[in-house]
Amino acid sequence: MFVGVVKRIFFWTYARNTWQYDVLCALILAFIFLTPKSWFDNGELRSNQEHQSPFASTVLLALPENGGAELDASEVERRVRAITNRPEIQVRNIRKRLDGRGRTVAYEVDIR
């Protein structure tokens, strides 16, 4: 008998107009609204929020393989605006990407 009851609850075989259906719905709602948030908090979401960038997006501006002269901030900004085809963007931060020999191969640009 117990196995039959568990099977009916698990497969939700009760009709909508029965008291068993109402009890199951009440138990589900009680679980949703009364379960402490700490039961599901593993800290992962909190750590991701701490490392999120305050910028709208990041653009990676790669340089030709043969290298060339390093770019100043105004040239990086001009190239990013040309690549994105959005002259209204604001460059917030520019970081160099270096290869194994210490040469600049790209610029990581935070834009808003």
C-alpha atoms as a PDB file:
ATOM      1  CA  MET A   1       0.000   0.000   0.000  1.00  0.00           C
ATOM      2  CA  PHE A   2       2.790   2.458   0.944  1.00  0.00           C
ATOM      3  CA  VAL A   3       4.563   1.831  -2.378  1.00  0.00           C
ATOM      4  CA  GLY A   4       1.322   2.503  -4.241  1.00  0.00           C
ATOM      5  CA  VAL A   5       0.821   5.845  -2.450  1.00  0.00           C
ATOM      6  CA  VAL A   6       4.403   6.932  -3.133  1.00  0.00           C
ATOM      7  CA  LYS A   7       4.034   5.872  -6.760  1.00  0.00           C
ATOM      8  CA  ARG A   8       0.826   7.883  -7.143  1.00  0.00           C
ATOM      9  CA  ILE A   9       2.435  10.953  -5.537  1.00  0.00           C
ATOM     10  CA  PHE A  10       5.607  10.649  -7.629  1.00  0.00           C
ATOM     11  CA  PHE A  11       3.741  10.242 -10.926  1.00  0.00           C
ATOM     12  CA  TRP A  12       1.061  12.774  -9.865  1.00  0.00           C
ATOM     13  CA  THR A  13      -1.884  10.531 -10.716  1.00  0.00           C
ATOM     14  CA  TYR A  14      -4.469  12.297  -8.563  1.00  0.00           C
ATOM     15  CA  ALA A  15      -7.252  14.177 -10.346  1.00  0.00           C
ATOM     16  CA  ARG A  16      -7.463  17.961  -9.976  1.00  0.00           C
ATOM     17  CA  ASN A  17     -10.659  17.972  -7.948  1.00  0.00           C
ATOM     18  CA  THR A  18      -9.434  15.616  -5.199  1.00  0.00           C
ATOM     19  CA  TRP A  19      -8.202  16.535  -1.730  1.00  0.00           C
ATOM     20  CA  GLN A  20      -4.911  14.690  -2.403  1.00  0.00           C
ATOM     21  CA  TYR A  21      -4.184  17.034  -5.304  1.00  0.00           C
ATOM     22  CA  ASP A  22      -4.846  20.058  -3.101  1.00  0.00           C
ATOM     23  CA  VAL A  23      -2.541  18.711  -0.378  1.00  0.00           C
ATOM     24  CA  LEU A  24       0.266  18.093  -2.867  1.00  0.00           C
ATOM     25  CA  CYS A  25      -0.100  21.625  -4.250  1.00  0.00           C
ATOM     26  CA  ALA A  26      -0.045  23.074  -0.737  1.00  0.00           C
ATOM     27  CA  LEU A  27       3.092  21.082   0.109  1.00  0.00           C
ATOM     28  CA  ILE A  28       4.851  22.310  -3.025  1.00  0.00           C
ATOM     29  CA  LEU A  29       3.923  25.924  -2.311  1.00  0.00           C
ATOM     30  CA  ALA A  30       5.013  25.569   1.310  1.00  0.00           C
ATOM     31  CA  PHE A  31       8.364  24.208   0.152  1.00  0.00           C
ATOM     32  CA  ILE A  32       8.842  27.067  -2.309  1.00  0.00           C
ATOM     33  CA  PHE A  33       7.984  29.870   0.086  1.00  0.00           C
ATOM     34  CA  LEU A  34       9.162  28.484   3.431  1.00  0.00           C
ATOM     35  CA  THR A  35      12.514  26.936   2.496  1.00  0.00           C
ATOM     36  CA  PRO A  36      15.395  28.998   3.910  1.00  0.00           C
ATOM     37  CA  LYS A  37      17.508  30.666   1.253  1.00  0.00           C
ATOM     38  CA  SER A  38      20.673  29.401   2.952  1.00  0.00           C
ATOM     39  CA  TRP A  39      19.809  25.827   1.947  1.00  0.00           C
ATOM     40  CA  PHE A  40      20.498  26.721  -1.675  1.00  0.00           C
ATOM     41  CA  ASP A  41      23.277  29.262  -1.192  1.00  0.00           C
ATOM     42  CA  ASN A  42      26.613  27.745  -2.177  1.00  0.00           C
ATOM     43  CA  GLY A  43      28.453  31.057  -2.496  1.00  0.00           C
ATOM     44  CA  GLU A  44      29.012  30.662  -6.227  1.00  0.00           C
ATOM     45  CA  LEU A  45      26.674  33.471  -7.249  1.00  0.00           C
ATOM     46  CA  ARG A  46      28.176  35.834  -4.703  1.00  0.00           C
ATOM     47  CA  SER A  47      31.745  35.199  -5.901  1.00  0.00           C
ATOM     48  CA  ASN A  48      30.731  35.752  -9.532  1.00  0.00           C
ATOM     49  CA  GLN A  49      29.193  39.116  -8.679  1.00  0.00           C
ATOM     50  CA  GLU A  50      32.404  40.275  -7.037  1.00  0.00           C
ATOM     51  CA  HIS A  51      34.377  39.638 -10.229  1.00  0.00           C
ATOM     52  CA  GLN A  52      31.960  41.105 -12.730  1.00  0.00           C
ATOM     53  CA  SER A  53      33.221  43.956 -14.790  1.00  0.00           C
ATOM     54  CA  PRO A  54      31.473  47.294 -14.273  1.00  0.00           C
ATOM     55  CA  PHE A  55      31.861  47.932 -17.996  1.00  0.00           C
ATOM     56  CA  ALA A  56      29.310  47.239 -20.694  1.00  0.00           C
ATOM     57  CA  SER A  57      31.625  44.949 -22.680  1.00  0.00           C
ATOM     58  CA  THR A  58      35.198  44.194 -23.542  1.00  0.00           C
ATOM     59  CA  VAL A  59      36.736  44.307 -27.013  1.00  0.00           C
ATOM     60  CA  LEU A  60      39.932  42.479 -27.935  1.00  0.00           C
ATOM     61  CA  LEU A  61      41.900  44.483 -30.482  1.00  0.00           C
ATOM     62  CA  ALA A  62      44.468  42.142 -32.055  1.00  0.00           C
ATOM     63  CA  LEU A  63      47.595  43.429 -33.722  1.00  0.00           C
ATOM     64  CA  PRO A  64      49.194  41.984 -36.878  1.00  0.00           C
ATOM     65  CA  GLU A  65      51.529  39.026 -36.310  1.00  0.00           C
ATOM     66  CA  ASN A  66      54.529  40.941 -37.576  1.00  0.00           C
ATOM     67  CA  GLY A  67      54.090  43.292 -34.629  1.00  0.00           C
ATOM     68  CA  GLY A  68      54.600  46.911 -35.426  1.00  0.00           C
ATOM     69  CA  ALA A  69      54.605  49.974 -33.261  1.00  0.00           C
ATOM     70  CA  GLU A  70      52.637  49.955 -30.045  1.00  0.00           C
ATOM     71  CA  LEU A  71      49.485  52.027 -30.147  1.00  0.00           C
ATOM     72  CA  ASP A  72      48.730  54.988 -27.932  1.00  0.00           C
ATOM     73  CA  ALA A  73      45.351  55.331 -26.179  1.00  0.00           C
ATOM     74  CA  SER A  74      43.823  57.624 -28.804  1.00  0.00           C
ATOM     75  CA  GLU A  75      44.738  55.229 -31.628  1.00  0.00           C
ATOM     76  CA  VAL A  76      43.309  52.256 -29.725  1.00  0.00           C
ATOM     77  CA  GLU A  77      40.121  54.227 -29.133  1.00  0.00           C
ATOM     78  CA  ARG A  78      39.894  55.209 -32.810  1.00  0.00           C
ATOM     79  CA  ARG A  79      40.371  51.600 -33.954  1.00  0.00           C
ATOM     80  CA  VAL A  80      37.811  50.237 -31.493  1.00  0.00           C
ATOM     81  CA  ARG A  81      35.247  52.793 -32.672  1.00  0.00           C
ATOM     82  CA  ALA A  82      35.967  51.809 -36.274  1.00  0.00           C
ATOM     83  CA  ILE A  83      35.716  48.080 -35.549  1.00  0.00           C
ATOM     84  CA  THR A  84      32.475  48.364 -33.599  1.00  0.00           C
ATOM     85  CA  ASN A  85      31.084  50.984 -36.002  1.00  0.00           C
ATOM     86  CA  ARG A  86      29.876  52.972 -32.995  1.00  0.00           C
ATOM     87  CA  PRO A  87      31.457  56.428 -32.698  1.00  0.00           C
ATOM     88  CA  GLU A  88      29.612  57.167 -29.433  1.00  0.00           C
ATOM     89  CA  ILE A  89      31.334  54.499 -27.313  1.00  0.00           C
ATOM     90  CA  GLN A  90      33.559  55.478 -24.435  1.00  0.00           C
ATOM     91  CA  VAL A  91      36.801  53.619 -23.772  1.00  0.00           C
ATOM     92  CA  ARG A  92      37.213  53.068 -20.042  1.00  0.00           C
ATOM     93  CA  ASN A  93      40.280  50.888 -19.663  1.00  0.00           C
ATOM     94  CA  ILE A  94      43.011  49.546 -21.958  1.00  0.00           C
ATOM     95  CA  ARG A  95      45.155  46.522 -21.049  1.00  0.00           C
ATOM     96  CA  LYS A  96      47.991  45.077 -23.114  1.00  0.00           C
ATOM     97  CA  ARG A  97      48.044  41.372 -23.974  1.00  0.00           C
ATOM     98  CA  LEU A  98      51.606  40.102 -24.200  1.00  0.00           C
ATOM     99  CA  ASP A  99      53.024  36.989 -25.851  1.00  0.00           C
ATOM    100  CA  GLY A 100      55.673  34.725 -24.348  1.00  0.00           C
ATOM    101  CA  ARG A 101      58.468  37.066 -25.407  1.00  0.00           C
ATOM    102  CA  GLY A 102      56.866  40.131 -23.845  1.00  0.00           C
ATOM    103  CA  ARG A 103      55.677  41.689 -27.107  1.00  0.00           C
ATOM    104  CA  THR A 104      52.270  43.323 -27.286  1.00  0.00           C
ATOM    105  CA  VAL A 105      49.993  41.173 -29.464  1.00  0.00           C
ATOM    106  CA  ALA A 106      46.607  42.684 -28.584  1.00  0.00           C
ATOM    107  CA  TYR A 107      44.802  45.227 -26.468  1.00  0.00           C
ATOM    108  CA  GLU A 108      41.878  44.352 -24.212  1.00  0.00           C
ATOM    109  CA  VAL A 109      39.595  47.388 -24.168  1.00  0.00           C
ATOM    110  CA  ASP A 110      36.670  47.950 -21.773  1.00  0.00           C
ATOM    111  CA  ILE A 111      33.961  50.056 -23.393  1.00  0.00           C
ATOM    112  CA  ARG A 112      30.684  51.588 -22.320  1.00  0.00           C
END
